[in-house]
Protein backbone atom coordinates (compact mmCIF):
# COMPACT_ATOMS: atom_id res chain seq x y z
CA MET A 1 93.27 129.22 97.83
CA GLU A 2 93.81 132.09 95.33
CA ILE A 3 91.92 130.21 92.62
CA GLY A 4 88.99 130.05 95.02
CA LYS A 5 89.14 133.82 95.52
CA ILE A 6 88.88 134.39 91.78
CA GLN A 7 85.99 131.94 91.54
CA GLU A 8 84.22 133.82 94.32
CA ALA A 9 84.85 137.20 92.66
CA ILE A 10 83.55 136.10 89.26
CA ALA A 11 80.58 134.13 90.60
CA PRO A 12 77.92 136.88 90.12
CA VAL A 13 78.68 137.57 86.44
CA ARG A 14 79.32 133.89 85.75
CA GLU A 15 75.87 133.02 87.06
CA LYS A 16 74.34 135.75 84.90
CA ILE A 17 75.91 134.14 81.83
CA ILE A 18 74.92 130.57 82.72
CA HIS A 19 71.33 131.70 83.31
CA HIS A 20 71.17 134.27 80.51
CA PRO A 21 67.66 134.59 79.04
CA LEU A 22 69.16 134.02 75.59
CA TYR A 23 69.13 130.23 75.93
CA ALA A 24 65.40 129.98 76.62
CA SER A 25 64.71 132.36 73.73
CA LEU A 26 66.36 130.08 71.13
CA GLU A 27 63.14 128.43 70.03
CA SER A 28 63.24 128.42 66.23
CA PHE A 29 65.82 127.11 63.79
CA GLU A 30 66.49 130.70 62.70
CA ASP A 31 67.27 131.59 66.32
CA ILE A 32 69.97 128.90 66.43
CA GLN A 33 71.42 130.15 63.14
CA LEU A 34 71.60 133.69 64.53
CA PHE A 35 73.29 132.44 67.69
CA MET A 36 75.89 130.53 65.67
CA GLU A 37 76.62 133.55 63.47
CA HIS A 38 77.60 135.49 66.62
CA HIS A 39 79.20 132.68 68.60
CA ILE A 40 81.64 131.69 65.85
CA PHE A 41 83.69 134.80 66.61
CA ALA A 42 84.22 133.63 70.19
CA VAL A 43 85.20 130.19 68.87
CA TRP A 44 87.76 131.74 66.52
CA ASP A 45 89.35 134.28 68.85
CA PHE A 46 89.60 131.55 71.50
CA MET A 47 91.97 129.74 69.14
CA SER A 48 94.04 132.92 68.87
CA LEU A 49 94.13 133.25 72.67
CA LEU A 50 95.24 129.63 72.86
CA LYS A 51 98.09 130.18 70.40
CA GLY A 52 99.09 133.42 72.13
CA LEU A 53 99.55 131.43 75.34
CA GLN A 54 101.51 128.76 73.53
CA GLN A 55 103.83 131.39 72.06
CA SER A 56 104.37 132.93 75.49
CA LEU A 57 104.88 129.72 77.43
CA THR A 58 106.78 127.50 74.99
CA CYS A 59 109.46 127.80 72.35
CA VAL A 60 107.98 127.99 68.85
CA LYS A 61 111.18 129.09 67.13
CA VAL A 62 114.26 127.39 65.72
CA PRO A 63 116.71 126.70 67.27
CA TRP A 64 114.70 125.42 70.21
CA VAL A 65 115.62 126.65 73.65
CA PRO A 66 113.83 125.93 76.94
CA VAL A 67 111.19 128.54 77.74
CA GLY A 68 109.29 128.89 81.01
CA SER A 69 108.62 125.97 83.29
CA PRO A 70 107.99 122.40 82.15
CA ASN A 71 104.66 122.52 83.99
CA THR A 72 103.22 125.44 82.03
CA ARG A 73 104.63 124.02 78.79
CA TYR A 74 102.77 120.79 79.49
CA PHE A 75 99.53 122.53 80.45
CA ILE A 76 99.29 124.62 77.30
CA ASN A 77 100.59 122.02 74.85
CA GLU A 78 98.10 119.46 76.15
CA ILE A 79 95.24 121.92 75.67
CA VAL A 80 96.48 122.95 72.20
CA THR A 81 96.40 119.33 71.06
CA GLY A 82 92.79 118.98 72.14
CA GLU A 83 91.60 122.28 70.68
CA GLU A 84 93.58 122.41 67.44
CA SER A 85 93.59 118.71 66.53
CA ASP A 86 90.46 117.13 68.01
CA VAL A 87 88.17 114.71 66.17
CA ASP A 88 84.78 115.22 64.62
CA ALA A 89 81.92 112.75 65.03
CA ALA A 90 83.38 110.58 62.23
CA GLY A 91 86.83 110.49 63.81
CA ASN A 92 88.47 112.95 61.41
CA ARG A 93 91.02 115.40 62.85
CA CYS A 94 90.00 119.05 62.93
CA SER A 95 90.24 122.13 65.09
CA HIS A 96 87.22 123.22 67.08
CA TYR A 97 86.95 126.28 64.84
CA GLU A 98 86.77 124.09 61.73
CA LEU A 99 84.28 121.81 63.47
CA TYR A 100 82.09 124.81 64.26
CA LEU A 101 82.21 125.95 60.63
CA GLN A 102 81.01 122.46 59.62
CA ALA A 103 78.16 122.84 62.09
CA MET A 104 77.22 126.22 60.63
CA GLN A 105 77.29 124.85 57.10
CA GLN A 106 75.05 121.93 58.08
CA ALA A 107 72.65 124.37 59.72
CA GLY A 108 72.68 126.78 56.78
CA ALA A 109 74.02 129.59 58.98
CA ASN A 110 75.79 132.51 57.29
CA THR A 111 79.60 132.13 57.49
CA GLU A 112 80.44 135.15 55.32
CA ALA A 113 81.34 137.53 58.16
CA ILE A 114 83.73 135.19 59.99
CA LEU A 115 85.36 133.95 56.79
CA SER A 116 85.88 137.55 55.69
CA LEU A 117 87.61 138.43 58.97
CA VAL A 118 89.81 135.34 58.87
CA ALA A 119 90.70 136.10 55.23
CA ALA A 120 91.76 139.62 56.25
CA ALA A 121 94.01 138.13 58.93
CA GLN A 122 95.45 135.66 56.43
CA ALA A 123 96.16 138.55 54.05
CA GLY A 124 98.35 140.18 56.71
CA ILE A 125 96.01 143.01 57.73
CA PRO A 126 96.71 143.86 61.40
CA ILE A 127 94.00 142.17 63.41
CA GLN A 128 92.85 145.28 65.26
CA THR A 129 92.51 147.07 61.90
CA ALA A 130 90.62 144.12 60.43
CA ILE A 131 88.23 144.11 63.40
CA SER A 132 87.70 147.86 63.23
CA GLU A 133 86.95 147.80 59.49
CA ALA A 134 84.75 144.68 59.57
CA ASN A 135 81.00 145.02 59.11
CA LEU A 136 80.15 143.58 62.51
CA PRO A 137 77.91 144.53 65.45
CA ALA A 138 79.64 146.72 68.05
CA ASP A 139 79.53 144.07 70.78
CA ILE A 140 81.25 141.47 68.58
CA LYS A 141 83.94 144.03 67.80
CA GLY A 142 84.30 144.86 71.49
CA PHE A 143 84.52 141.19 72.43
CA LEU A 144 87.22 140.58 69.82
CA LYS A 145 89.14 143.75 70.69
CA PHE A 146 89.31 142.75 74.35
CA THR A 147 90.66 139.31 73.43
CA PHE A 148 93.36 140.67 71.16
CA ASP A 149 94.25 143.47 73.60
CA THR A 150 94.84 140.72 76.15
CA ILE A 151 97.00 138.74 73.73
CA GLU A 152 98.96 141.84 72.72
CA SER A 153 99.65 142.66 76.38
CA ASN A 154 102.08 139.71 76.26
CA GLN A 155 101.34 139.02 79.92
CA PRO A 156 100.80 135.28 80.26
CA HIS A 157 98.97 135.50 83.60
CA LEU A 158 96.33 137.77 82.03
CA MET A 159 95.94 135.56 78.97
CA ALA A 160 95.69 132.48 81.17
CA ALA A 161 93.05 134.09 83.42
CA VAL A 162 90.89 135.12 80.45
CA PHE A 163 91.39 131.71 78.86
CA THR A 164 90.56 129.82 82.05
CA PHE A 165 87.74 131.75 83.69
CA GLY A 166 86.33 133.48 80.63
CA ARG A 167 86.34 130.39 78.44
CA GLU A 168 87.35 126.90 79.61
CA ASP A 169 85.76 126.90 83.06
CA LEU A 170 82.64 128.67 81.80
CA ILE A 171 81.83 126.48 78.82
CA PRO A 172 80.38 123.31 80.42
CA GLY A 173 77.77 125.15 82.51
CA MET A 174 76.91 127.49 79.66
CA PHE A 175 76.56 124.80 76.99
CA HIS A 176 74.43 122.54 79.19
CA GLU A 177 71.68 125.12 78.73
CA LEU A 178 72.01 125.07 74.96
CA VAL A 179 72.14 121.36 74.31
CA LYS A 180 68.80 120.51 75.97
CA ASP A 181 66.28 118.95 73.57
CA MET A 182 68.20 120.13 70.50
CA HIS A 183 68.07 116.80 68.70
CA GLN A 184 64.34 116.39 69.30
CA LYS A 185 63.56 119.91 68.11
CA PHE A 186 65.69 119.90 64.95
CA PRO A 187 66.51 116.30 63.96
CA GLY A 188 69.27 115.96 61.39
CA LYS A 189 69.92 119.70 61.11
CA LEU A 190 72.12 120.38 64.13
CA ASP A 191 73.92 117.08 64.65
CA ILE A 192 77.37 118.60 64.22
CA PHE A 193 76.52 121.56 66.43
CA GLN A 194 75.22 119.26 69.15
CA TYR A 195 78.38 117.15 68.87
CA TYR A 196 80.48 120.32 69.22
CA LEU A 197 78.61 121.39 72.35
CA GLU A 198 78.72 117.95 73.95
CA ARG A 199 82.40 117.58 73.10
CA HIS A 200 83.18 120.85 74.88
CA ILE A 201 81.13 119.86 77.91
CA GLU A 202 83.07 116.60 78.10
CA VAL A 203 86.61 117.88 77.43
CA ASP A 204 86.51 121.30 79.07
CA GLY A 205 84.56 120.21 82.13
CA ASP A 206 86.81 117.28 82.92
CA HIS A 207 90.31 117.93 81.63
CA HIS A 208 91.02 121.32 80.11
CA SER A 209 89.52 123.43 82.88
CA ILE A 210 91.66 121.61 85.46
CA LEU A 211 94.81 122.07 83.39
CA SER A 212 94.06 125.74 82.77
CA MET A 213 93.51 126.45 86.47
CA GLN A 214 96.83 124.79 87.24
CA MET A 215 98.37 127.02 84.58
CA VAL A 216 96.98 130.19 86.21
CA ALA A 217 98.29 129.05 89.61
CA GLU A 218 101.73 128.35 88.16
CA LEU A 219 101.92 131.72 86.40
CA CYS A 220 100.69 133.82 89.33
CA GLY A 221 102.64 131.93 91.98
CA ASP A 222 102.87 133.85 95.25
CA ASP A 223 102.58 137.28 93.68
CA ALA A 224 99.47 139.04 95.06
CA ARG A 225 99.59 141.68 92.32
CA LEU A 226 99.47 139.06 89.56
CA TRP A 227 96.52 137.33 91.22
CA LYS A 228 94.64 140.63 91.49
CA GLU A 229 95.30 141.45 87.84
CA ALA A 230 94.21 137.94 86.83
CA GLU A 231 90.96 138.39 88.75
CA ALA A 232 90.21 141.73 87.06
CA ALA A 233 90.91 140.26 83.60
CA ALA A 234 88.64 137.29 84.30
CA ILE A 235 85.76 139.54 85.35
CA THR A 236 86.15 141.73 82.25
CA ALA A 237 86.22 138.65 79.99
CA LEU A 238 82.96 137.41 81.51
CA GLU A 239 81.35 140.83 81.20
CA TRP A 240 82.15 140.82 77.50
CA ARG A 241 80.64 137.33 77.13
CA TYR A 242 77.45 138.57 78.79
CA ARG A 243 77.36 141.52 76.40
CA LEU A 244 77.86 139.21 73.43
CA TRP A 245 74.92 137.03 74.48
CA THR A 246 72.79 140.11 75.11
CA ALA A 247 73.65 141.37 71.62
CA VAL A 248 72.28 138.13 70.14
CA LEU A 249 69.08 138.54 72.14
CA GLU A 250 68.70 142.16 71.02
CA GLU A 251 69.31 141.24 67.38
CA LYS A 252 66.64 138.54 67.67
CA SER A 253 64.21 141.12 69.03
CA LYS A 254 64.94 143.48 66.13
CA ILE A 255 64.21 140.75 63.61
CA LEU A 256 60.87 140.00 65.26
CA SER A 257 59.81 143.65 65.54
């Protein structure tokens, strides 16, 4: 019942994202490269959101002690396995972030910006500082800041709502628009990218979105305040996605002008 209320509340902005004019505008190979150079940041911070949930809902320390409910532990650990240790088209294990980097490399897209940000994080620079100091468009920075603000809130119901409605449940409908005719338009250049998109449509549409909705329901329970906060977080996450897509479209227009 409460899940349905969130779905109803987010429906207008969700529809705007699924039918964003960006998809129809991606006509040239350079357009796809530009899209990938923006989208990779959403792929990467999604992995951080995933691990933030795992840290909140399970025990990741030694000695092990039971944390949370077995249900939420199962939900998040099952999703982590699929996102952090999936398979590429050849059957090799890799995370979805690493798979996306492979797709970018095949397409000749510029990976310098994302690799620089990840290197800063690996060097121990606080992530909000690294984002602030990075040479990135404002809407990418805003998108990332919202994600890490949500993680740093240490409120699992907010993280789960953003994860579920801002990412997992959104992806199949959104990626259906991207994958159309890609192989015919650019044979041999976007095979890995197409595999990534189709893999997400398959996994997120069937399995992960169901698990993540169950996770939100478990975390919010019968608390009306938690449900309301989850709804607000989901709407904000979707608004940032819309802004990210709009930023790609605006950047494309600048290049053409």
